[in-house]
Amino acid sequence: MAEDWCTVESDPGVFTEMIESFGVKGVQVEELYALDEHLLADLQPVYGLIFLFKWQQEKDRKGQSDPNADVFFARQMITNACATQAILNILFNQTEVALGSELDSFKEMTKEFSSELKGLSISNSEVIKKAHNSFARPEVFSIQHDKDDEKDDAFHFIAYIHSGGVLYELDGLQLAPISHGAATAENWLQIATPIIQQRIEKYSATEIRFNLMALVKNRIEALNSKVAELEEKRQGLEAQLTSEMDVEGQESKVMGEIQELNDRIVQVQNSLDDEKVKRENWKKENVRRRHNYVPFLFNLLKILADKDMLMPLVEKAKEKKKERIAKKQEQSNKDAAADKKEK
């Protein structure tokens, strides 16, 4: 029996490691807590946006289906693959990103395929599937889910990119890319922002679980480049100080510019240090995600039972639960009495 594709947690550390497992260099995923113009500007270049939402049937879809042959688009042909699908639909539409030998070969092989065949090719790629399923959670029990439960928890990932002067929405459940009209490399994020915001507001009455991430250049590389650029400018200004300055007050001006550059270098260096710490945390969290804690828990319970410590802990937990329920009921009675008094 073929191995299923697992569900993948919507997390920038998970997605970044998955992308690196594909062989892609120089990119990472950043979580966006707000559709903020200044934040997006700091993250440039942004290669694409990944949007997670609770899927619902939409009759009034915005945008127009556009089967553009120049846009790589793979339909989702397998369950649970939409996260990887969204990432690949972004990556395969970039010319600046080093995809690596595996994805380069895949893109070349499938360039003339239909969107359905591209989707099937993704499902049959061992490299892609292995990277995706590396984040499968260890499970000791096989839990049967009710069909209604699965329907209620149908979350879906889609992507937004700029290509050929157009803003595209790439949704693997659609027949083709969705065009949202003309856009440039400079303004496509500003155009995409209200489109995503409207989608969030449309569902916000019944659903609050949304997630937005950006596929960007590797932040450590980008910040290192920024530090080098600023230091080069500083060296140029320092060289001016060693030469004769004929204009009155010019030395003071240059000294001020050097100080501004020093302050900016410190700011960028602090951001670089924060980024390195974040990367280390991602690495630790991903190790924990893959670790199977079930044997440890079974052994712990067995030891507690052997020492006659398990049942007292169970009884203590039951008592705490009763206390919480009693306090909650007491507060509920007080609230009801207060409401009655006001009326």
Foldseek 3Di string as FASTA:
>chain_A
DDDAFAADDPDFLLVQQLQVLQVWPFKTKFWDPALDPVVCVVQPPFQKKKKKDQDDDDPDDPFDFDADLLQDAAAAPHPNCQVVRQVLSSVLQDPPIDRHDNVVVLCVVCSPPANDVNNVVCVVDPSSRCSRCLLPFDDPDDDDDDPVVCNRRRMGMWMWGDDPQWIWIHGNNDRHIGTPDGDDSVCNSVVVNVVVVVVCVVCVVPDDDMIMMTIGGLLLVVLVVVLVVLVVVLVVLVVVLVDDDDDPPVNVVSVVVNVVSVVVSVVSVVVNVVSVVVSVVSVVVSVVSNDDCVVVVVVVLVVCVVVVNNVVVVVVVVVVVVVVVVVVVVVVVVVVVVVVVVD
